[in-house]
Amino acid sequence: MIKTDVFDYFAFLVLAVLLATVVVLIVLVGSLPGKIAASRNHPYATAIAAAGWISLATLGALWPIAFIWAFIPPRSNPSKNEGGGAP
């Protein structure tokens, strides 16, 4: 028969804390591009936030793209600028 003692319970507690920390870090990293885009009033903030969350399902493949996209301002349309485009 297996006997559990205080060290076994302590090991389970440490494991639970580490697991909770990993989950919290994953959630924070997944939401980071969307929060940055929203704070910068990016017009595609919801799409950036979605890309950040979808990157969790793709093991982070889209996360760098969403992170960079959050910092890049959208291009203005040169035809709408005064004197900048064709009539």
C-alpha atoms as a PDB file:
ATOM      1  CA  MET A   1       0.000   0.000   0.000  1.00  0.00           C
ATOM      2  CA  ILE A   2       1.256   3.454  -0.905  1.00  0.00           C
ATOM      3  CA  LYS A   3       1.536   5.863   1.958  1.00  0.00           C
ATOM      4  CA  THR A   4       1.289   9.602   1.282  1.00  0.00           C
ATOM      5  CA  ASP A   5       2.961  12.096   3.507  1.00  0.00           C
ATOM      6  CA  VAL A   6       3.370  15.860   3.713  1.00  0.00           C
ATOM      7  CA  PHE A   7       5.965  15.954   0.933  1.00  0.00           C
ATOM      8  CA  ASP A   8       3.554  14.342  -1.528  1.00  0.00           C
ATOM      9  CA  TYR A   9       0.911  16.957  -0.783  1.00  0.00           C
ATOM     10  CA  PHE A  10       3.528  19.699  -1.093  1.00  0.00           C
ATOM     11  CA  ALA A  11       4.602  18.321  -4.484  1.00  0.00           C
ATOM     12  CA  PHE A  12       0.989  18.333  -5.693  1.00  0.00           C
ATOM     13  CA  LEU A  13       0.587  21.898  -4.452  1.00  0.00           C
ATOM     14  CA  VAL A  14       3.722  23.006  -6.309  1.00  0.00           C
ATOM     15  CA  LEU A  15       2.525  21.246  -9.455  1.00  0.00           C
ATOM     16  CA  ALA A  16      -0.894  22.936  -9.218  1.00  0.00           C
ATOM     17  CA  VAL A  17       0.685  26.372  -8.742  1.00  0.00           C
ATOM     18  CA  LEU A  18       2.977  25.829 -11.736  1.00  0.00           C
ATOM     19  CA  LEU A  19       0.070  24.684 -13.890  1.00  0.00           C
ATOM     20  CA  ALA A  20      -2.019  27.712 -12.875  1.00  0.00           C
ATOM     21  CA  THR A  21       0.915  30.014 -13.620  1.00  0.00           C
ATOM     22  CA  VAL A  22       1.345  28.538 -17.094  1.00  0.00           C
ATOM     23  CA  VAL A  23      -2.367  28.979 -17.848  1.00  0.00           C
ATOM     24  CA  VAL A  24      -2.309  32.610 -16.676  1.00  0.00           C
ATOM     25  CA  LEU A  25       0.786  33.351 -18.758  1.00  0.00           C
ATOM     26  CA  ILE A  26      -0.771  31.790 -21.853  1.00  0.00           C
ATOM     27  CA  VAL A  27      -3.908  33.916 -21.411  1.00  0.00           C
ATOM     28  CA  LEU A  28      -1.863  37.082 -20.893  1.00  0.00           C
ATOM     29  CA  VAL A  29       0.327  36.437 -23.924  1.00  0.00           C
ATOM     30  CA  GLY A  30      -2.701  35.559 -26.078  1.00  0.00           C
ATOM     31  CA  SER A  31      -4.502  38.772 -25.192  1.00  0.00           C
ATOM     32  CA  LEU A  32      -1.473  41.060 -25.477  1.00  0.00           C
ATOM     33  CA  PRO A  33      -1.721  41.993 -29.195  1.00  0.00           C
ATOM     34  CA  GLY A  34      -5.408  42.834 -28.863  1.00  0.00           C
ATOM     35  CA  LYS A  35      -4.837  44.990 -25.798  1.00  0.00           C
ATOM     36  CA  ILE A  36      -1.998  46.857 -27.498  1.00  0.00           C
ATOM     37  CA  ALA A  37      -4.091  47.460 -30.618  1.00  0.00           C
ATOM     38  CA  ALA A  38      -7.057  48.681 -28.575  1.00  0.00           C
ATOM     39  CA  SER A  39      -4.895  51.056 -26.553  1.00  0.00           C
ATOM     40  CA  ARG A  40      -3.446  52.490 -29.780  1.00  0.00           C
ATOM     41  CA  ASN A  41      -6.973  52.885 -31.275  1.00  0.00           C
ATOM     42  CA  HIS A  42      -6.087  50.636 -34.196  1.00  0.00           C
ATOM     43  CA  PRO A  43      -9.024  50.298 -36.622  1.00  0.00           C
ATOM     44  CA  TYR A  44      -8.453  46.525 -36.853  1.00  0.00           C
ATOM     45  CA  ALA A  45      -8.147  45.953 -33.104  1.00  0.00           C
ATOM     46  CA  THR A  46     -10.788  43.219 -33.049  1.00  0.00           C
ATOM     47  CA  ALA A  47      -9.087  41.337 -35.897  1.00  0.00           C
ATOM     48  CA  ILE A  48      -5.748  41.641 -34.122  1.00  0.00           C
ATOM     49  CA  ALA A  49      -7.297  40.352 -30.908  1.00  0.00           C
ATOM     50  CA  ALA A  50      -8.822  37.421 -32.786  1.00  0.00           C
ATOM     51  CA  ALA A  51      -5.462  36.619 -34.393  1.00  0.00           C
ATOM     52  CA  GLY A  52      -3.870  36.673 -30.946  1.00  0.00           C
ATOM     53  CA  TRP A  53      -6.389  34.161 -29.589  1.00  0.00           C
ATOM     54  CA  ILE A  54      -6.314  31.986 -32.711  1.00  0.00           C
ATOM     55  CA  SER A  55      -2.549  31.804 -32.347  1.00  0.00           C
ATOM     56  CA  LEU A  56      -3.074  29.829 -29.153  1.00  0.00           C
ATOM     57  CA  ALA A  57      -4.694  27.073 -31.219  1.00  0.00           C
ATOM     58  CA  THR A  58      -1.857  27.167 -33.758  1.00  0.00           C
ATOM     59  CA  LEU A  59       0.811  26.968 -31.054  1.00  0.00           C
ATOM     60  CA  GLY A  60       1.868  30.579 -31.530  1.00  0.00           C
ATOM     61  CA  ALA A  61       2.260  30.628 -35.304  1.00  0.00           C
ATOM     62  CA  LEU A  62       0.138  33.775 -35.776  1.00  0.00           C
ATOM     63  CA  TRP A  63       1.169  35.526 -32.575  1.00  0.00           C
ATOM     64  CA  PRO A  64       4.229  37.379 -33.952  1.00  0.00           C
ATOM     65  CA  ILE A  65       2.172  38.587 -36.905  1.00  0.00           C
ATOM     66  CA  ALA A  66      -0.603  39.848 -34.622  1.00  0.00           C
ATOM     67  CA  PHE A  67       1.921  41.482 -32.300  1.00  0.00           C
ATOM     68  CA  ILE A  68       3.643  43.360 -35.130  1.00  0.00           C
ATOM     69  CA  TRP A  69       0.291  44.235 -36.715  1.00  0.00           C
ATOM     70  CA  ALA A  70      -0.790  45.876 -33.461  1.00  0.00           C
ATOM     71  CA  PHE A  71       2.066  48.378 -33.746  1.00  0.00           C
ATOM     72  CA  ILE A  72       1.842  49.133 -37.468  1.00  0.00           C
ATOM     73  CA  PRO A  73      -0.507  52.012 -38.266  1.00  0.00           C
ATOM     74  CA  PRO A  74      -2.830  51.428 -41.210  1.00  0.00           C
ATOM     75  CA  ARG A  75      -1.835  52.990 -44.495  1.00  0.00           C
ATOM     76  CA  SER A  76      -3.862  55.948 -45.637  1.00  0.00           C
ATOM     77  CA  ASN A  77      -5.438  55.873 -49.059  1.00  0.00           C
ATOM     78  CA  PRO A  78      -3.431  58.247 -51.288  1.00  0.00           C
ATOM     79  CA  SER A  79      -6.424  58.908 -53.555  1.00  0.00           C
ATOM     80  CA  LYS A  80      -8.307  60.441 -50.631  1.00  0.00           C
ATOM     81  CA  ASN A  81      -5.456  62.775 -49.645  1.00  0.00           C
ATOM     82  CA  GLU A  82      -5.437  66.248 -51.049  1.00  0.00           C
ATOM     83  CA  GLY A  83      -3.070  66.550 -53.980  1.00  0.00           C
ATOM     84  CA  GLY A  84      -1.622  63.104 -53.425  1.00  0.00           C
ATOM     85  CA  GLY A  85      -3.376  60.945 -55.951  1.00  0.00           C
ATOM     86  CA  ALA A  86      -4.978  60.680 -59.301  1.00  0.00           C
ATOM     87  CA  PRO A  87      -8.300  62.435 -59.852  1.00  0.00           C
END
